Amino acid sequence: MQTFLDNILYKLFIFTITFGVIFHDVIGFKSIDEICGLCLFIIFLFSLFQSKDWNINKVFLFTLFVFSFYLCYSLWISSNSKKGILMDLVIQMKPYLAFFCMYQLKPKFSDSLRLLLKQLMLLFWFILLPIGLIDIIIPHTISAIMVHPTYFAGAITAISLTYLYASDYTKKDKIIFLAMLTIGLVSGRSKFYGFYALSTFVILYFENPNNLKLNIKNISILTCTTAIIIFVAREKLMLYFGQGIMNEEEGASIARFVLYATSLNIFIDYFPFGCGLGSFATHASGYYYSPIYAQYGIDQVWGISKNDWSFIADTYYPSLAQFGIIGVVLFISFWFYLLRKSYKIFSETQETKVFALVLLITGYCLIENIADASFTSNRGFFMLMFLGLILSNKIGPEAKTIQPVIK
C-alpha cells in the first residue's frame, strides 16, 4: 500500500512541477493546480479511510478549525456573496491542504526515483536556459515565450530547489544548484535578486552545521544578510511601502500601493478578525466584486475598479486584512512552525539539508508575496506541497503517518 502511495505521489509531484509551474502559463490552463490539489486531497482521503485509526496532525485539525471559524464569521458579517466567500475559502485553504496532505502521507522516493527526478530537473533547466540567454541579446524573449519574467524566475527557482532536494547535497550539488539558479537573474525581478542573495548565503554559510547554532555571531551574520536582501530588493519595497509611485513606468503598480495602504485601515476598522473572506485583495473579491472597495473609496482606482480589477489580487499581504490581526499572527506562526520542525530535524541529525531547503522555500514565499499573490497561486501550491514532502521525511510523534490496513 505504501509503495503504491509513494509511486502515485511521485507522479503527481512531477506532474505538478511540470504543468503546474514550469509550463503552467505557457499552456494557459489556469486550473491545473486546483486539479492537482483535488487529486492530492483524494489520495489523502483514500489513505485515511484505509488506515487503522484516523490519526490526523493536530496542527492540520487546528487549521481546518480556523478556516471553519472564518467561514462562519464571513457569512455572519456578509463580507461578500456566499459564492464569493466559498470561492475564496477554497483558494485560501489550497496551500495549507497541499502541505498537510503531503506531510501526513509521508511519501518516500527511492534512490532510483530521486535520481530520475534530478535528471529531469536538469533536462528542464537546459530547456529554459536558451530562453534566458537569448533574452540577454534579444530583450522580451522571456515574456514572449513564458508570458512574464516572474513565471520564468518561478520556474527556475522550482527546478533548482527540486534538483537540490533530489541530490546528495554534496559541495558539487550545491554549486550546481547556485549555477542553475543564476540564469534566473536575467528575469530582472528584484524579488529574485533578494532570493538569490538568500540562497547564496544559506548554501555557503550553512554548509558548516556549527553555523546553524544560535549565538551572537550567527545572529549578527543573519541580520547582515537580511539587510543585504532588503537592499537588493529595495526597488519593490520603496514602491509598495514608500511615498507613492516613482515614475510613469511603474504607474501600473499604483493598485498594489493602494491595496497596501487601505489594508492598514481595514486592520484597524475590523479589529481583530478582519473584513472576512472574499472581501479584499483576492480573486474572489474581484470576481464577485466586494462592496468594501466602495466603502474605502478605492473602487475607481485603475486595476481595482469593478470594470477592471486585473490588479486586485496581484499581491498577497494586503489580503491578510480579511483575517485581521489574528490572521496575521496565525500566518506568521505557521511559518515559524515549519522552521521549528526543520530545526528540530537538524538538531537530531546534524544535517543541514532539510533546514536549508525549508529556509529557502520559506524565504522565497515571503519575498514573492510582497508583489505577487504567490502563496495562493500555482507556484505557492507547489512550494507548500514541496515543503510537506521535505518535512515528512522526519516526522514527529504528534503527526504520525497514516498506517494503512491493506498491505
Protein backbone atom coordinates (compact mmCIF):
# COMPACT_ATOMS: atom_id res chain seq x y z
CA MET A 1 0.00 0.00 0.00
CA GLN A 2 2.72 2.46 0.97
CA THR A 3 4.65 1.61 -2.20
CA PHE A 4 1.52 2.35 -4.24
CA LEU A 5 1.12 5.71 -2.50
CA ASP A 6 4.79 6.55 -3.00
CA ASN A 7 4.60 5.89 -6.73
CA ILE A 8 1.38 7.81 -7.30
CA LEU A 9 2.58 10.78 -5.23
CA TYR A 10 5.87 10.78 -7.13
CA LYS A 11 3.99 11.00 -10.43
CA LEU A 12 1.71 13.70 -9.03
CA PHE A 13 4.73 15.67 -7.83
CA ILE A 14 6.35 15.56 -11.27
CA PHE A 15 3.06 16.43 -12.97
CA THR A 16 2.60 19.40 -10.63
CA ILE A 17 6.02 20.93 -11.18
CA THR A 18 5.87 20.28 -14.93
CA PHE A 19 2.41 21.55 -15.77
CA GLY A 20 1.59 23.41 -12.58
CA VAL A 21 4.75 25.55 -12.52
CA ILE A 22 7.19 25.29 -15.43
CA PHE A 23 4.72 25.22 -18.34
CA HIS A 24 1.67 26.46 -16.43
CA ASP A 25 1.43 29.85 -18.10
CA VAL A 26 2.73 28.66 -21.45
CA ILE A 27 -0.16 26.21 -21.66
CA GLY A 28 -2.59 28.80 -20.35
CA PHE A 29 -4.79 26.34 -18.43
CA LYS A 30 -5.22 28.12 -15.11
CA SER A 31 -6.87 25.32 -13.14
CA ILE A 32 -4.05 22.78 -13.16
CA ASP A 33 -3.07 23.50 -9.56
CA GLU A 34 -6.71 23.07 -8.46
CA ILE A 35 -6.82 19.70 -10.24
CA CYS A 36 -3.55 18.64 -8.63
CA GLY A 37 -4.85 19.79 -5.27
CA LEU A 38 -8.04 17.78 -5.70
CA CYS A 39 -6.04 14.69 -6.65
CA LEU A 40 -3.78 15.11 -3.62
CA PHE A 41 -6.77 15.53 -1.31
CA ILE A 42 -8.49 12.43 -2.78
CA ILE A 43 -5.30 10.40 -2.24
CA PHE A 44 -5.17 11.70 1.33
CA LEU A 45 -8.81 10.70 1.97
CA PHE A 46 -8.25 7.29 0.39
CA SER A 47 -5.28 6.67 2.65
CA LEU A 48 -7.19 7.98 5.65
CA PHE A 49 -10.12 5.63 5.11
CA GLN A 50 -7.71 2.72 4.71
CA SER A 51 -5.98 3.49 7.99
CA LYS A 52 -6.47 1.66 11.25
CA ASP A 53 -7.16 4.87 13.10
CA TRP A 54 -7.81 8.40 11.91
CA ASN A 55 -4.67 9.91 13.36
CA ILE A 56 -4.53 13.40 11.80
CA ASN A 57 -1.90 16.02 12.56
CA LYS A 58 -3.16 18.31 15.33
CA VAL A 59 -1.96 21.46 13.58
CA PHE A 60 -3.88 20.35 10.47
CA LEU A 61 -7.03 19.97 12.56
CA PHE A 62 -6.44 23.39 14.10
CA THR A 63 -6.00 24.89 10.62
CA LEU A 64 -9.31 23.38 9.50
CA PHE A 65 -10.95 24.79 12.63
CA VAL A 66 -9.55 28.27 11.89
CA PHE A 67 -10.90 28.26 8.34
CA SER A 68 -14.25 26.93 9.58
CA PHE A 69 -14.40 29.83 12.03
CA TYR A 70 -13.60 32.39 9.33
CA LEU A 71 -16.20 30.83 7.05
CA CYS A 72 -18.88 31.26 9.70
CA TYR A 73 -17.58 34.73 10.58
CA SER A 74 -17.64 35.81 6.93
CA LEU A 75 -21.17 34.54 6.43
CA TRP A 76 -22.26 36.29 9.63
CA ILE A 77 -20.92 39.71 8.62
CA SER A 78 -21.82 39.12 4.91
CA SER A 79 -18.34 40.02 3.70
CA ASN A 80 -19.40 39.05 0.18
CA SER A 81 -21.91 36.84 -1.56
CA LYS A 82 -21.97 33.20 -0.45
CA LYS A 83 -20.39 32.16 -3.76
CA GLY A 84 -17.62 34.71 -3.29
CA ILE A 85 -16.95 33.56 0.26
CA LEU A 86 -16.82 29.89 -0.72
CA MET A 87 -14.57 30.59 -3.72
CA ASP A 88 -12.13 32.48 -1.54
CA LEU A 89 -12.26 29.77 1.13
CA VAL A 90 -11.06 27.20 -1.41
CA ILE A 91 -8.31 29.48 -2.72
CA GLN A 92 -7.03 30.42 0.76
CA MET A 93 -7.08 26.82 2.03
CA LYS A 94 -5.34 25.36 -1.04
CA PRO A 95 -1.69 25.86 0.04
CA TYR A 96 -2.34 24.60 3.57
CA LEU A 97 -4.08 21.49 2.26
CA ALA A 98 -1.14 20.92 -0.10
CA PHE A 99 1.31 21.00 2.79
CA PHE A 100 -0.60 18.97 5.37
CA CYS A 101 -1.80 16.27 2.94
CA MET A 102 1.72 15.69 1.64
CA TYR A 103 3.15 15.97 5.14
CA GLN A 104 0.85 13.31 6.55
CA LEU A 105 1.04 10.92 3.59
CA LYS A 106 4.82 10.85 4.14
CA PRO A 107 5.92 9.61 0.70
CA LYS A 108 9.43 8.20 0.36
CA PHE A 109 11.08 8.35 -3.04
CA SER A 110 13.60 5.59 -3.71
CA ASP A 111 17.16 6.39 -4.76
CA SER A 112 16.33 5.49 -8.37
CA LEU A 113 13.29 7.77 -8.38
CA ARG A 114 15.29 10.63 -6.86
CA LEU A 115 17.99 10.17 -9.49
CA LEU A 116 15.35 10.29 -12.22
CA LEU A 117 13.87 13.43 -10.63
CA LYS A 118 17.32 15.02 -10.51
CA GLN A 119 17.95 14.24 -14.19
CA LEU A 120 14.52 15.51 -15.17
CA MET A 121 15.18 18.85 -13.45
CA LEU A 122 18.46 19.18 -15.36
CA LEU A 123 16.58 18.50 -18.61
CA PHE A 124 14.01 21.20 -17.84
CA TRP A 125 16.79 23.61 -16.93
CA PHE A 126 18.56 23.07 -20.25
CA ILE A 127 15.24 23.70 -22.00
CA LEU A 128 14.80 27.05 -20.22
CA LEU A 129 18.48 28.06 -20.40
CA PRO A 130 18.43 29.20 -24.09
CA ILE A 131 15.37 31.36 -23.38
CA GLY A 132 17.26 33.26 -20.69
CA LEU A 133 20.45 33.57 -22.75
CA ILE A 134 18.63 34.80 -25.86
CA ASP A 135 16.77 37.36 -23.74
CA ILE A 136 20.13 38.98 -22.94
CA ILE A 137 20.64 39.64 -26.65
CA ILE A 138 17.01 39.99 -27.73
CA PRO A 139 15.02 41.67 -24.92
CA HIS A 140 11.48 40.47 -24.13
CA THR A 141 12.21 36.91 -25.34
CA ILE A 142 11.27 35.61 -21.89
CA SER A 143 7.96 37.48 -21.95
CA ALA A 144 7.19 36.25 -25.48
CA ILE A 145 7.65 32.60 -24.51
CA MET A 146 6.98 32.42 -20.76
CA VAL A 147 4.30 35.19 -20.72
CA HIS A 148 6.02 37.11 -17.90
CA PRO A 149 9.56 37.23 -16.43
CA THR A 150 8.12 36.36 -12.99
CA TYR A 151 6.95 33.00 -14.32
CA PHE A 152 10.40 32.30 -15.78
CA ALA A 153 12.05 33.14 -12.45
CA GLY A 154 9.50 30.97 -10.62
CA ALA A 155 10.15 28.01 -12.93
CA ILE A 156 13.93 28.32 -12.50
CA THR A 157 13.50 28.50 -8.72
CA ALA A 158 11.28 25.41 -8.58
CA ILE A 159 13.61 23.41 -10.84
CA SER A 160 16.74 24.39 -8.91
CA LEU A 161 15.23 23.66 -5.48
CA THR A 162 13.88 20.29 -6.65
CA TYR A 163 17.30 19.41 -8.04
CA LEU A 164 18.87 20.25 -4.69
CA TYR A 165 16.30 18.12 -2.86
CA ALA A 166 16.89 15.12 -5.15
CA SER A 167 20.68 15.43 -4.91
CA ASP A 168 23.04 14.03 -2.30
CA TYR A 169 23.66 17.61 -1.11
CA THR A 170 27.38 17.43 -1.78
CA LYS A 171 29.52 20.51 -2.41
CA LYS A 172 29.25 19.78 -6.14
CA ASP A 173 25.45 19.63 -5.91
CA LYS A 174 25.34 22.95 -4.07
CA ILE A 175 27.49 24.64 -6.72
CA ILE A 176 25.29 23.22 -9.48
CA PHE A 177 22.21 24.49 -7.62
CA LEU A 178 23.58 28.05 -7.48
CA ALA A 179 24.65 27.83 -11.13
CA MET A 180 21.16 26.69 -12.14
CA LEU A 181 19.63 29.49 -10.12
CA THR A 182 21.88 32.12 -11.71
CA ILE A 183 20.06 32.15 -15.06
CA GLY A 184 17.01 33.45 -13.23
CA LEU A 185 18.81 36.75 -12.75
CA VAL A 186 18.11 37.66 -16.39
CA SER A 187 14.43 37.92 -15.46
CA GLY A 188 15.26 41.32 -13.97
CA ARG A 189 12.99 40.71 -10.96
CA SER A 190 14.26 42.46 -7.83
CA LYS A 191 12.44 39.83 -5.76
CA PHE A 192 14.55 37.15 -7.42
CA TYR A 193 17.70 39.13 -6.65
CA GLY A 194 16.72 39.01 -3.00
CA PHE A 195 16.07 35.27 -3.13
CA TYR A 196 19.37 34.69 -4.94
CA ALA A 197 21.22 36.56 -2.18
CA LEU A 198 19.43 34.42 0.43
CA SER A 199 20.25 31.20 -1.45
CA THR A 200 23.93 32.07 -1.74
CA PHE A 201 24.14 32.79 1.99
CA VAL A 202 22.23 29.67 3.06
CA ILE A 203 24.12 27.29 0.78
CA LEU A 204 27.60 28.62 1.51
CA TYR A 205 27.31 29.63 5.16
CA PHE A 206 25.13 26.80 6.42
CA GLU A 207 27.43 24.23 4.85
CA ASN A 208 29.01 24.08 8.30
CA PRO A 209 26.49 22.71 10.86
CA ASN A 210 28.09 24.85 13.57
CA ASN A 211 26.83 27.96 11.77
CA LEU A 212 23.26 26.89 12.50
CA LYS A 213 23.67 27.22 16.24
CA LEU A 214 22.04 30.21 17.90
CA ASN A 215 24.76 32.54 19.13
CA ILE A 216 25.69 36.20 18.82
CA LYS A 217 27.96 35.59 15.81
CA ASN A 218 25.37 33.75 13.74
CA ILE A 219 22.57 36.13 14.70
CA SER A 220 24.74 39.09 13.63
CA ILE A 221 25.58 37.46 10.29
CA LEU A 222 21.92 36.60 9.70
CA THR A 223 20.96 40.21 10.44
CA CYS A 224 23.52 41.49 7.93
CA THR A 225 22.26 39.02 5.32
CA THR A 226 18.71 40.20 5.85
CA ALA A 227 19.89 43.78 5.35
CA ILE A 228 21.57 42.77 2.07
CA ILE A 229 18.38 41.03 0.87
CA ILE A 230 16.35 44.14 1.68
CA PHE A 231 18.90 46.25 -0.17
CA VAL A 232 18.83 44.21 -3.40
CA ALA A 233 15.02 44.16 -3.30
CA ARG A 234 14.78 47.81 -2.30
CA GLU A 235 13.02 48.87 -5.52
CA LYS A 236 9.93 46.84 -4.69
CA LEU A 237 10.00 47.84 -1.06
CA MET A 238 10.25 51.51 -1.95
CA LEU A 239 7.43 51.10 -4.41
CA TYR A 240 4.97 49.45 -2.02
CA PHE A 241 5.94 50.99 1.29
CA GLY A 242 7.42 54.31 0.17
CA GLN A 243 5.77 57.56 -0.73
CA GLY A 244 3.89 56.67 -3.89
CA ILE A 245 4.94 55.78 -7.42
CA MET A 246 8.45 56.53 -8.62
CA ASN A 247 7.82 57.17 -12.33
CA GLU A 248 5.29 56.63 -15.11
CA GLU A 249 6.66 53.20 -15.97
CA GLU A 250 5.69 52.00 -12.52
CA GLY A 251 2.30 53.68 -12.63
CA ALA A 252 0.59 50.34 -13.21
CA SER A 253 1.62 49.35 -9.68
CA ILE A 254 -0.45 52.06 -8.05
CA ALA A 255 -3.19 49.49 -7.42
CA ARG A 256 -0.88 47.47 -5.20
CA PHE A 257 0.24 50.58 -3.36
CA VAL A 258 -3.41 51.49 -2.69
CA LEU A 259 -4.17 47.96 -1.50
CA TYR A 260 -1.30 48.06 0.99
CA ALA A 261 -2.36 51.46 2.30
CA THR A 262 -6.04 50.52 2.56
CA SER A 263 -5.28 47.23 4.30
CA LEU A 264 -3.80 49.16 7.25
CA ASN A 265 -7.12 50.94 7.72
CA ILE A 266 -9.01 47.67 7.48
CA PHE A 267 -6.84 46.10 10.18
CA ILE A 268 -7.90 48.92 12.49
CA ASP A 269 -11.56 49.17 11.49
CA TYR A 270 -12.19 45.39 11.53
CA PHE A 271 -10.13 44.51 14.59
CA PRO A 272 -9.38 41.71 15.39
CA PHE A 273 -10.83 39.23 12.83
CA GLY A 274 -10.70 41.33 9.66
CA CYS A 275 -13.24 42.03 6.95
CA GLY A 276 -13.93 38.40 6.08
CA LEU A 277 -13.37 36.01 3.19
CA GLY A 278 -13.82 37.24 -0.36
CA SER A 279 -13.81 40.89 0.64
CA PHE A 280 -10.39 42.38 -0.09
CA ALA A 281 -7.34 41.93 -2.37
CA THR A 282 -8.29 38.45 -3.57
CA HIS A 283 -9.53 36.98 -6.83
CA ALA A 284 -12.93 36.26 -5.33
CA SER A 285 -13.28 39.85 -4.13
CA GLY A 286 -12.92 40.99 -7.74
CA TYR A 287 -14.91 38.25 -9.46
CA TYR A 288 -17.77 38.78 -7.01
CA TYR A 289 -16.96 42.46 -6.60
CA SER A 290 -16.73 43.28 -2.92
CA PRO A 291 -18.55 46.35 -1.52
CA ILE A 292 -15.54 47.18 0.67
CA TYR A 293 -13.76 48.89 -2.25
CA ALA A 294 -16.54 51.48 -2.48
CA GLN A 295 -16.61 51.72 1.32
CA TYR A 296 -12.98 52.89 1.32
CA GLY A 297 -13.34 54.96 -1.85
CA ILE A 298 -10.92 52.95 -3.99
CA ASP A 299 -13.43 51.43 -6.42
CA GLN A 300 -12.36 53.89 -9.14
CA VAL A 301 -8.63 53.15 -8.91
CA TRP A 302 -7.20 51.65 -12.09
CA GLY A 303 -6.84 47.89 -11.66
CA ILE A 304 -9.22 47.82 -8.67
CA SER A 305 -12.44 49.11 -10.25
CA LYS A 306 -15.44 46.89 -10.90
CA ASN A 307 -14.92 47.12 -14.66
CA ASP A 308 -11.19 46.43 -14.46
CA TRP A 309 -9.96 44.52 -11.40
CA SER A 310 -6.91 42.96 -13.05
CA PHE A 311 -4.58 44.07 -10.21
CA ILE A 312 -6.93 43.37 -7.33
CA ALA A 313 -5.22 40.08 -6.43
CA ASP A 314 -1.72 40.96 -7.60
CA THR A 315 -0.16 40.92 -4.14
CA TYR A 316 -0.75 38.73 -1.10
CA TYR A 317 -0.04 40.58 2.14
CA PRO A 318 -2.92 43.10 1.84
CA SER A 319 -5.34 40.14 1.66
CA LEU A 320 -4.40 39.26 5.25
CA ALA A 321 -6.70 42.16 6.19
CA GLN A 322 -9.50 39.67 5.55
CA PHE A 323 -8.31 37.73 8.60
CA GLY A 324 -7.38 40.70 10.77
CA ILE A 325 -4.58 40.87 13.32
CA ILE A 326 -5.45 37.37 14.50
CA GLY A 327 -4.91 36.08 10.97
CA VAL A 328 -1.53 37.80 10.71
CA VAL A 329 -0.40 36.17 13.96
CA LEU A 330 -1.57 32.76 12.72
CA PHE A 331 0.12 33.25 9.34
CA ILE A 332 3.45 34.10 10.99
CA SER A 333 3.02 31.21 13.44
CA PHE A 334 2.62 28.77 10.54
CA TRP A 335 6.00 29.69 9.08
CA PHE A 336 7.64 29.51 12.50
CA TYR A 337 6.05 26.07 12.89
CA LEU A 338 7.76 24.89 9.67
CA LEU A 339 11.12 26.40 10.61
CA ARG A 340 10.93 24.95 14.12
CA LYS A 341 10.24 21.47 12.71
CA SER A 342 13.14 21.72 10.29
CA TYR A 343 15.49 22.96 13.02
CA LYS A 344 14.42 20.05 15.21
CA ILE A 345 15.42 17.68 12.41
CA PHE A 346 18.80 19.41 12.22
CA SER A 347 19.25 19.10 15.99
CA GLU A 348 18.60 15.36 15.80
CA THR A 349 20.67 14.59 12.69
CA GLN A 350 23.21 17.46 12.48
CA GLU A 351 22.46 17.51 8.73
CA THR A 352 21.71 20.92 7.25
CA LYS A 353 19.87 19.85 4.08
CA VAL A 354 16.30 19.86 5.38
CA PHE A 355 16.67 23.12 7.30
CA ALA A 356 18.35 24.81 4.32
CA LEU A 357 15.58 23.74 1.94
CA VAL A 358 12.82 24.81 4.31
CA LEU A 359 14.52 28.15 4.93
CA LEU A 360 14.94 28.74 1.18
CA ILE A 361 11.34 27.91 0.32
CA THR A 362 10.08 29.98 3.24
CA GLY A 363 12.24 32.89 2.12
CA TYR A 364 11.03 32.51 -1.46
CA CYS A 365 7.37 32.59 -0.45
CA LEU A 366 7.77 35.55 1.91
CA ILE A 367 9.76 37.59 -0.62
CA GLU A 368 7.48 36.79 -3.57
CA ASN A 369 4.36 37.75 -1.65
CA ILE A 370 5.49 41.36 -1.48
CA ALA A 371 4.33 41.99 -5.04
CA ASP A 372 2.58 38.77 -6.05
CA ALA A 373 -0.08 36.53 -4.58
CA SER A 374 2.32 33.60 -4.88
CA PHE A 375 1.10 31.87 -1.74
CA THR A 376 -2.35 31.18 -3.18
CA SER A 377 -1.14 30.76 -6.78
CA ASN A 378 0.05 27.69 -8.65
CA ARG A 379 3.61 28.36 -7.51
CA GLY A 380 2.53 28.63 -3.88
CA PHE A 381 0.64 25.34 -4.14
CA PHE A 382 3.72 23.55 -5.44
CA MET A 383 6.05 25.10 -2.86
CA LEU A 384 3.79 24.10 0.05
CA MET A 385 3.38 20.63 -1.40
CA PHE A 386 7.17 20.52 -1.70
CA LEU A 387 7.57 21.58 1.95
CA GLY A 388 5.25 18.79 3.03
CA LEU A 389 7.41 16.30 1.13
CA ILE A 390 10.66 17.61 2.64
CA LEU A 391 9.47 17.70 6.25
CA SER A 392 7.66 14.36 6.07
CA ASN A 393 10.99 12.57 5.83
CA LYS A 394 11.42 13.34 9.53
CA ILE A 395 8.08 13.43 11.29
CA GLY A 396 7.41 13.97 14.97
CA PRO A 397 5.31 11.75 17.24
CA GLU A 398 2.48 14.28 17.18
CA ALA A 399 2.00 13.77 13.44
CA LYS A 400 2.22 10.03 12.86
CA THR A 401 1.92 8.60 9.40
CA ILE A 402 -1.42 7.08 8.42
CA GLN A 403 -0.94 3.36 8.73
CA PRO A 404 -2.90 1.52 6.03
CA VAL A 405 -4.90 -1.64 6.73
CA ILE A 406 -4.31 -3.05 3.24
CA LYS A 407 -0.79 -4.37 2.72
